Amino acid sequence: MLAEQEVNKNIRYSQILEILGNKEMTAKEIAHQMYERRLIPTDERNFTAPRLTELSIKGIVEPVGKRKCLWTNKMVSIYKRR
């Protein structure tokens, strides 16, 4: 990845946490909201999933269950703030 393409993780964490708020959301749902706000170039979940994992390790968010993804029909994790 080129240096100018790297994203400041702290900025991405803040964006994810702002969108997550008090809701329970999947990585794709968060990515879709970020895309609608023009924070990311596509609504691909790979923009949020690694950061959610890191936030989970830090104890800031936690997976609270699973549900079927509206886009893929696969079972995916749901996250909420701790």
PDB file of N, CA and C in Angstrom:
ATOM      1  N   MET A   1       0.844  -1.170   0.000  1.00  0.00           N
ATOM      2  CA  MET A   1       0.000   0.000   0.000  1.00  0.00           C
ATOM      3  C   MET A   1       0.894   1.238   0.000  1.00  0.00           C
ATOM      4  N   LEU A   2       0.572   2.180  -0.837  1.00  0.00           N
ATOM      5  CA  LEU A   2       1.330   3.412  -0.896  1.00  0.00           C
ATOM      6  C   LEU A   2       1.050   4.263   0.334  1.00  0.00           C
ATOM      7  N   ALA A   3       2.052   5.035   0.737  1.00  0.00           N
ATOM      8  CA  ALA A   3       1.919   5.844   1.949  1.00  0.00           C
ATOM      9  C   ALA A   3       0.712   6.772   1.882  1.00  0.00           C
ATOM     10  N   GLU A   4       0.468   7.396   0.724  1.00  0.00           N
ATOM     11  CA  GLU A   4      -0.656   8.327   0.641  1.00  0.00           C
ATOM     12  C   GLU A   4      -2.007   7.620   0.689  1.00  0.00           C
ATOM     13  N   GLN A   5      -2.025   6.296   0.486  1.00  0.00           N
ATOM     14  CA  GLN A   5      -3.271   5.545   0.550  1.00  0.00           C
ATOM     15  C   GLN A   5      -3.542   5.017   1.957  1.00  0.00           C
ATOM     16  N   GLU A   6      -2.526   5.063   2.814  1.00  0.00           N
ATOM     17  CA  GLU A   6      -2.711   4.568   4.163  1.00  0.00           C
ATOM     18  C   GLU A   6      -3.680   5.462   4.917  1.00  0.00           C
ATOM     19  N   VAL A   7      -4.499   4.841   5.700  1.00  0.00           N
ATOM     20  CA  VAL A   7      -5.479   5.581   6.474  1.00  0.00           C
ATOM     21  C   VAL A   7      -4.999   5.630   7.921  1.00  0.00           C
ATOM     22  N   ASN A   8      -5.135   6.774   8.525  1.00  0.00           N
ATOM     23  CA  ASN A   8      -4.844   6.892   9.940  1.00  0.00           C
ATOM     24  C   ASN A   8      -5.875   6.044  10.690  1.00  0.00           C
ATOM     25  N   LYS A   9      -5.402   5.023  11.386  1.00  0.00           N
ATOM     26  CA  LYS A   9      -6.326   4.108  12.063  1.00  0.00           C
ATOM     27  C   LYS A   9      -7.171   4.827  13.102  1.00  0.00           C
ATOM     28  N   ASN A  10      -6.608   5.804  13.778  1.00  0.00           N
ATOM     29  CA  ASN A  10      -7.388   6.516  14.795  1.00  0.00           C
ATOM     30  C   ASN A  10      -8.559   7.259  14.176  1.00  0.00           C
ATOM     31  N   ILE A  11      -8.362   7.817  12.977  1.00  0.00           N
ATOM     32  CA  ILE A  11      -9.461   8.476  12.279  1.00  0.00           C
ATOM     33  C   ILE A  11     -10.525   7.448  11.905  1.00  0.00           C
ATOM     34  N   ARG A  12     -10.096   6.309  11.386  1.00  0.00           N
ATOM     35  CA  ARG A  12     -11.046   5.259  10.997  1.00  0.00           C
ATOM     36  C   ARG A  12     -11.795   4.739  12.224  1.00  0.00           C
ATOM     37  N   TYR A  13     -11.076   4.551  13.346  1.00  0.00           N
ATOM     38  CA  TYR A  13     -11.740   4.115  14.578  1.00  0.00           C
ATOM     39  C   TYR A  13     -12.846   5.099  14.951  1.00  0.00           C
ATOM     40  N   SER A  14     -12.533   6.388  14.918  1.00  0.00           N
ATOM     41  CA  SER A  14     -13.509   7.419  15.281  1.00  0.00           C
ATOM     42  C   SER A  14     -14.716   7.390  14.360  1.00  0.00           C
ATOM     43  N   GLN A  15     -14.474   7.224  13.063  1.00  0.00           N
ATOM     44  CA  GLN A  15     -15.568   7.167  12.100  1.00  0.00           C
ATOM     45  C   GLN A  15     -16.473   5.970  12.380  1.00  0.00           C
ATOM     46  N   ILE A  16     -15.869   4.824  12.618  1.00  0.00           N
ATOM     47  CA  ILE A  16     -16.635   3.608  12.897  1.00  0.00           C
ATOM     48  C   ILE A  16     -17.449   3.774  14.175  1.00  0.00           C
ATOM     49  N   LEU A  17     -16.830   4.292  15.227  1.00  0.00           N
ATOM     50  CA  LEU A  17     -17.524   4.441  16.502  1.00  0.00           C
ATOM     51  C   LEU A  17     -18.653   5.462  16.413  1.00  0.00           C
ATOM     52  N   GLU A  18     -18.455   6.508  15.629  1.00  0.00           N
ATOM     53  CA  GLU A  18     -19.511   7.506  15.443  1.00  0.00           C
ATOM     54  C   GLU A  18     -20.721   6.881  14.766  1.00  0.00           C
ATOM     55  N   ILE A  19     -20.481   6.103  13.724  1.00  0.00           N
ATOM     56  CA  ILE A  19     -21.577   5.455  13.000  1.00  0.00           C
ATOM     57  C   ILE A  19     -22.227   4.374  13.854  1.00  0.00           C
ATOM     58  N   LEU A  20     -21.434   3.613  14.575  1.00  0.00           N
ATOM     59  CA  LEU A  20     -21.969   2.546  15.419  1.00  0.00           C
ATOM     60  C   LEU A  20     -22.851   3.118  16.527  1.00  0.00           C
ATOM     61  N   GLY A  21     -22.411   4.220  17.125  1.00  0.00           N
ATOM     62  CA  GLY A  21     -23.218   4.853  18.177  1.00  0.00           C
ATOM     63  C   GLY A  21     -23.669   3.847  19.210  1.00  0.00           C
ATOM     64  N   ASN A  22     -24.972   3.829  19.501  1.00  0.00           N
ATOM     65  CA  ASN A  22     -25.554   2.883  20.464  1.00  0.00           C
ATOM     66  C   ASN A  22     -26.201   1.695  19.772  1.00  0.00           C
ATOM     67  N   LYS A  23     -25.973   1.589  18.465  1.00  0.00           N
ATOM     68  CA  LYS A  23     -26.624   0.533  17.687  1.00  0.00           C
ATOM     69  C   LYS A  23     -25.782  -0.738  17.674  1.00  0.00           C
ATOM     70  N   GLU A  24     -26.380  -1.799  17.189  1.00  0.00           N
ATOM     71  CA  GLU A  24     -25.687  -3.059  16.909  1.00  0.00           C
ATOM     72  C   GLU A  24     -25.661  -3.196  15.400  1.00  0.00           C
ATOM     73  N   MET A  25     -24.454  -3.276  14.827  1.00  0.00           N
ATOM     74  CA  MET A  25     -24.308  -3.274  13.373  1.00  0.00           C
ATOM     75  C   MET A  25     -23.247  -4.275  12.931  1.00  0.00           C
ATOM     76  N   THR A  26     -23.348  -4.699  11.670  1.00  0.00           N
ATOM     77  CA  THR A  26     -22.335  -5.557  11.065  1.00  0.00           C
ATOM     78  C   THR A  26     -21.259  -4.689  10.411  1.00  0.00           C
ATOM     79  N   ALA A  27     -20.139  -5.301  10.066  1.00  0.00           N
ATOM     80  CA  ALA A  27     -19.063  -4.579   9.376  1.00  0.00           C
ATOM     81  C   ALA A  27     -19.566  -3.995   8.058  1.00  0.00           C
ATOM     82  N   LYS A  28     -20.370  -4.742   7.342  1.00  0.00           N
ATOM     83  CA  LYS A  28     -20.903  -4.269   6.060  1.00  0.00           C
ATOM     84  C   LYS A  28     -21.864  -3.103   6.259  1.00  0.00           C
ATOM     85  N   GLU A  29     -22.714  -3.169   7.265  1.00  0.00           N
ATOM     86  CA  GLU A  29     -23.647  -2.075   7.534  1.00  0.00           C
ATOM     87  C   GLU A  29     -22.891  -0.787   7.868  1.00  0.00           C
ATOM     88  N   ILE A  30     -21.834  -0.909   8.654  1.00  0.00           N
ATOM     89  CA  ILE A  30     -21.021   0.254   8.991  1.00  0.00           C
ATOM     90  C   ILE A  30     -20.342   0.788   7.734  1.00  0.00           C
ATOM     91  N   ALA A  31     -19.779  -0.128   6.938  1.00  0.00           N
ATOM     92  CA  ALA A  31     -19.113   0.284   5.696  1.00  0.00           C
ATOM     93  C   ALA A  31     -20.100   0.988   4.766  1.00  0.00           C
ATOM     94  N   HIS A  32     -21.318   0.495   4.691  1.00  0.00           N
ATOM     95  CA  HIS A  32     -22.321   1.111   3.825  1.00  0.00           C
ATOM     96  C   HIS A  32     -22.627   2.541   4.283  1.00  0.00           C
ATOM     97  N   GLN A  33     -22.760   2.726   5.584  1.00  0.00           N
ATOM     98  CA  GLN A  33     -23.000   4.074   6.123  1.00  0.00           C
ATOM     99  C   GLN A  33     -21.801   4.992   5.859  1.00  0.00           C
ATOM    100  N   MET A  34     -20.593   4.454   6.002  1.00  0.00           N
ATOM    101  CA  MET A  34     -19.387   5.249   5.739  1.00  0.00           C
ATOM    102  C   MET A  34     -19.325   5.646   4.270  1.00  0.00           C
ATOM    103  N   TYR A  35     -19.698   4.735   3.392  1.00  0.00           N
ATOM    104  CA  TYR A  35     -19.728   5.026   1.958  1.00  0.00           C
ATOM    105  C   TYR A  35     -20.760   6.114   1.649  1.00  0.00           C
ATOM    106  N   GLU A  36     -21.934   6.013   2.252  1.00  0.00           N
ATOM    107  CA  GLU A  36     -22.973   7.027   2.024  1.00  0.00           C
ATOM    108  C   GLU A  36     -22.523   8.413   2.489  1.00  0.00           C
ATOM    109  N   ARG A  37     -21.676   8.438   3.523  1.00  0.00           N
ATOM    110  CA  ARG A  37     -21.148   9.713   4.028  1.00  0.00           C
ATOM    111  C   ARG A  37     -19.873  10.141   3.285  1.00  0.00           C
ATOM    112  N   ARG A  38     -19.504   9.347   2.292  1.00  0.00           N
ATOM    113  CA  ARG A  38     -18.325   9.604   1.459  1.00  0.00           C
ATOM    114  C   ARG A  38     -17.018   9.585   2.252  1.00  0.00           C
ATOM    115  N   LEU A  39     -16.963   8.715   3.252  1.00  0.00           N
ATOM    116  CA  LEU A  39     -15.750   8.551   4.042  1.00  0.00           C
ATOM    117  C   LEU A  39     -14.831   7.496   3.435  1.00  0.00           C
ATOM    118  N   ILE A  40     -15.425   6.591   2.644  1.00  0.00           N
ATOM    119  CA  ILE A  40     -14.668   5.538   1.964  1.00  0.00           C
ATOM    120  C   ILE A  40     -15.164   5.444   0.522  1.00  0.00           C
ATOM    121  N   PRO A  41     -14.316   4.945  -0.386  1.00  0.00           N
ATOM    122  CA  PRO A  41     -14.667   4.945  -1.811  1.00  0.00           C
ATOM    123  C   PRO A  41     -15.697   3.901  -2.248  1.00  0.00           C
ATOM    124  N   THR A  42     -15.857   2.822  -1.480  1.00  0.00           N
ATOM    125  CA  THR A  42     -16.872   1.804  -1.780  1.00  0.00           C
ATOM    126  C   THR A  42     -17.453   1.333  -0.454  1.00  0.00           C
ATOM    127  N   ASP A  43     -18.530   0.553  -0.509  1.00  0.00           N
ATOM    128  CA  ASP A  43     -19.102   0.049   0.746  1.00  0.00           C
ATOM    129  C   ASP A  43     -18.565  -1.343   1.092  1.00  0.00           C
ATOM    130  N   GLU A  44     -17.380  -1.654   0.623  1.00  0.00           N
ATOM    131  CA  GLU A  44     -16.736  -2.942   0.907  1.00  0.00           C
ATOM    132  C   GLU A  44     -16.440  -3.083   2.399  1.00  0.00           C
ATOM    133  N   ARG A  45     -16.829  -4.203   2.975  1.00  0.00           N
ATOM    134  CA  ARG A  45     -16.653  -4.438   4.414  1.00  0.00           C
ATOM    135  C   ARG A  45     -15.196  -4.473   4.841  1.00  0.00           C
ATOM    136  N   ASN A  46     -14.281  -4.681   3.901  1.00  0.00           N
ATOM    137  CA  ASN A  46     -12.856  -4.731   4.251  1.00  0.00           C
ATOM    138  C   ASN A  46     -12.328  -3.384   4.743  1.00  0.00           C
ATOM    139  N   PHE A  47     -13.095  -2.319   4.552  1.00  0.00           N
ATOM    140  CA  PHE A  47     -12.703  -1.031   5.110  1.00  0.00           C
ATOM    141  C   PHE A  47     -12.968  -0.972   6.612  1.00  0.00           C
ATOM    142  N   THR A  48     -13.889  -1.813   7.099  1.00  0.00           N
ATOM    143  CA  THR A  48     -14.263  -1.751   8.512  1.00  0.00           C
ATOM    144  C   THR A  48     -13.926  -2.998   9.319  1.00  0.00           C
ATOM    145  N   ALA A  49     -13.990  -4.158   8.714  1.00  0.00           N
ATOM    146  CA  ALA A  49     -13.805  -5.405   9.461  1.00  0.00           C
ATOM    147  C   ALA A  49     -12.477  -5.480  10.221  1.00  0.00           C
ATOM    148  N   PRO A  50     -11.334  -5.136   9.593  1.00  0.00           N
ATOM    149  CA  PRO A  50     -10.077  -5.205  10.354  1.00  0.00           C
ATOM    150  C   PRO A  50     -10.051  -4.226  11.527  1.00  0.00           C
ATOM    151  N   ARG A  51     -10.647  -3.050  11.331  1.00  0.00           N
ATOM    152  CA  ARG A  51     -10.674  -2.056  12.412  1.00  0.00           C
ATOM    153  C   ARG A  51     -11.601  -2.514  13.538  1.00  0.00           C
ATOM    154  N   LEU A  52     -12.709  -3.186  13.206  1.00  0.00           N
ATOM    155  CA  LEU A  52     -13.595  -3.723  14.237  1.00  0.00           C
ATOM    156  C   LEU A  52     -12.892  -4.795  15.054  1.00  0.00           C
ATOM    157  N   THR A  53     -12.103  -5.623  14.389  1.00  0.00           N
ATOM    158  CA  THR A  53     -11.323  -6.636  15.107  1.00  0.00           C
ATOM    159  C   THR A  53     -10.357  -5.965  16.076  1.00  0.00           C
ATOM    160  N   GLU A  54      -9.675  -4.933  15.611  1.00  0.00           N
ATOM    161  CA  GLU A  54      -8.729  -4.205  16.472  1.00  0.00           C
ATOM    162  C   GLU A  54      -9.444  -3.527  17.632  1.00  0.00           C
ATOM    163  N   LEU A  55     -10.592  -2.910  17.356  1.00  0.00           N
ATOM    164  CA  LEU A  55     -11.375  -2.270  18.419  1.00  0.00           C
ATOM    165  C   LEU A  55     -11.880  -3.305  19.424  1.00  0.00           C
ATOM    166  N   SER A  56     -12.173  -4.496  18.938  1.00  0.00           N
ATOM    167  CA  SER A  56     -12.613  -5.573  19.815  1.00  0.00           C
ATOM    168  C   SER A  56     -11.466  -6.017  20.729  1.00  0.00           C
ATOM    169  N   ILE A  57     -10.278  -6.153  20.170  1.00  0.00           N
ATOM    170  CA  ILE A  57      -9.098  -6.531  20.961  1.00  0.00           C
ATOM    171  C   ILE A  57      -8.808  -5.474  22.028  1.00  0.00           C
ATOM    172  N   LYS A  58      -9.041  -4.204  21.687  1.00  0.00           N
ATOM    173  CA  LYS A  58      -8.818  -3.098  22.622  1.00  0.00           C
ATOM    174  C   LYS A  58      -9.929  -3.005  23.675  1.00  0.00           C
ATOM    175  N   GLY A  59     -11.003  -3.777  23.508  1.00  0.00           N
ATOM    176  CA  GLY A  59     -12.098  -3.767  24.464  1.00  0.00           C
ATOM    177  C   GLY A  59     -13.082  -2.627  24.274  1.00  0.00           C
ATOM    178  N   ILE A  60     -13.079  -2.007  23.100  1.00  0.00           N
ATOM    179  CA  ILE A  60     -13.954  -0.861  22.840  1.00  0.00           C
ATOM    180  C   ILE A  60     -15.286  -1.298  22.231  1.00  0.00           C
ATOM    181  N   VAL A  61     -15.241  -2.306  21.377  1.00  0.00           N
ATOM    182  CA  VAL A  61     -16.461  -2.901  20.830  1.00  0.00           C
ATOM    183  C   VAL A  61     -16.415  -4.391  21.114  1.00  0.00           C
ATOM    184  N   GLU A  62     -17.557  -5.036  20.942  1.00  0.00           N
ATOM    185  CA  GLU A  62     -17.598  -6.484  21.131  1.00  0.00           C
ATOM    186  C   GLU A  62     -18.620  -7.098  20.187  1.00  0.00           C
ATOM    187  N   PRO A  63     -18.319  -8.316  19.722  1.00  0.00           N
ATOM    188  CA  PRO A  63     -19.325  -9.027  18.928  1.00  0.00           C
ATOM    189  C   PRO A  63     -20.411  -9.517  19.894  1.00  0.00           C
ATOM    190  N   VAL A  64     -21.663  -9.325  19.496  1.00  0.00           N
ATOM    191  CA  VAL A  64     -22.772  -9.683  20.386  1.00  0.00           C
ATOM    192  C   VAL A  64     -23.717 -10.713  19.782  1.00  0.00           C
ATOM    193  N   GLY A  65     -23.346 -11.241  18.650  1.00  0.00           N
ATOM    194  CA  GLY A  65     -24.188 -12.239  18.006  1.00  0.00           C
ATOM    195  C   GLY A  65     -23.947 -12.265  16.518  1.00  0.00           C
ATOM    196  N   LYS A  66     -24.850 -12.936  15.840  1.00  0.00           N
ATOM    197  CA  LYS A  66     -24.754 -13.036  14.381  1.00  0.00           C
ATOM    198  C   LYS A  66     -26.132 -12.849  13.780  1.00  0.00           C
ATOM    199  N   ARG A  67     -26.135 -12.409  12.535  1.00  0.00           N
ATOM    200  CA  ARG A  67     -27.376 -12.345  11.762  1.00  0.00           C
ATOM    201  C   ARG A  67     -27.019 -12.463  10.283  1.00  0.00           C
ATOM    202  N   LYS A  68     -28.038 -12.698   9.490  1.00  0.00           N
ATOM    203  CA  LYS A  68     -27.840 -12.848   8.061  1.00  0.00           C
ATOM    204  C   LYS A  68     -27.596 -11.481   7.431  1.00  0.00           C
ATOM    205  N   CYS A  69     -26.530 -11.378   6.651  1.00  0.00           N
ATOM    206  CA  CYS A  69     -26.184 -10.131   5.968  1.00  0.00           C
ATOM    207  C   CYS A  69     -27.213  -9.850   4.877  1.00  0.00           C
ATOM    208  N   LEU A  70     -27.658  -8.610   4.801  1.00  0.00           N
ATOM    209  CA  LEU A  70     -28.642  -8.210   3.787  1.00  0.00           C
ATOM    210  C   LEU A  70     -28.083  -8.301   2.372  1.00  0.00           C
ATOM    211  N   TRP A  71     -26.760  -8.158   2.230  1.00  0.00           N
ATOM    212  CA  TRP A  71     -26.118  -8.147   0.917  1.00  0.00           C
ATOM    213  C   TRP A  71     -25.677  -9.536   0.461  1.00  0.00           C
ATOM    214  N   THR A  72     -25.212 -10.361   1.400  1.00  0.00           N
ATOM    215  CA  THR A  72     -24.634 -11.651   1.008  1.00  0.00           C
ATOM    216  C   THR A  72     -25.450 -12.862   1.445  1.00  0.00           C
ATOM    217  N   ASN A  73     -26.407 -12.660   2.338  1.00  0.00           N
ATOM    218  CA  ASN A  73     -27.187 -13.752   2.936  1.00  0.00           C
ATOM    219  C   ASN A  73     -26.344 -14.714   3.758  1.00  0.00           C
ATOM    220  N   LYS A  74     -25.123 -14.320   4.111  1.00  0.00           N
ATOM    221  CA  LYS A  74     -24.265 -15.140   4.979  1.00  0.00           C
ATOM    222  C   LYS A  74     -24.446 -14.673   6.419  1.00  0.00           C
ATOM    223  N   MET A  75     -24.191 -15.579   7.362  1.00  0.00           N
ATOM    224  CA  MET A  75     -24.230 -15.205   8.767  1.00  0.00           C
ATOM    225  C   MET A  75     -22.959 -14.417   9.091  1.00  0.00           C
ATOM    226  N   VAL A  76     -23.143 -13.249   9.681  1.00  0.00           N
ATOM    227  CA  VAL A  76     -22.020 -12.359   9.993  1.00  0.00           C
ATOM    228  C   VAL A  76     -22.153 -11.844  11.424  1.00  0.00           C
ATOM    229  N   SER A  77     -21.045 -11.404  11.967  1.00  0.00           N
ATOM    230  CA  SER A  77     -21.027 -10.891  13.337  1.00  0.00           C
ATOM    231  C   SER A  77     -21.670  -9.520  13.436  1.00  0.00           C
ATOM    232  N   ILE A  78     -22.308  -9.305  14.565  1.00  0.00           N
ATOM    233  CA  ILE A  78     -22.892  -8.013  14.906  1.00  0.00           C
ATOM    234  C   ILE A  78     -22.033  -7.431  16.025  1.00  0.00           C
ATOM    235  N   TYR A  79     -21.711  -6.139  15.915  1.00  0.00           N
ATOM    236  CA  TYR A  79     -20.881  -5.475  16.909  1.00  0.00           C
ATOM    237  C   TYR A  79     -21.648  -4.369  17.620  1.00  0.00           C
ATOM    238  N   LYS A  80     -21.262  -4.116  18.864  1.00  0.00           N
ATOM    239  CA  LYS A  80     -21.761  -2.968  19.606  1.00  0.00           C
ATOM    240  C   LYS A  80     -20.631  -2.423  20.466  1.00  0.00           C
ATOM    241  N   ARG A  81     -20.813  -1.189  20.905  1.00  0.00           N
ATOM    242  CA  ARG A  81     -19.832  -0.578  21.813  1.00  0.00           C
ATOM    243  C   ARG A  81     -19.984  -1.219  23.183  1.00  0.00           C
ATOM    244  N   ARG A  82     -18.872  -1.316  23.891  1.00  0.00           N
ATOM    245  CA  ARG A  82     -18.924  -1.849  25.255  1.00  0.00           C
ATOM    246  C   ARG A  82     -19.359  -0.784  26.208  1.00  0.00           C
TER     247      ARG A  82
END
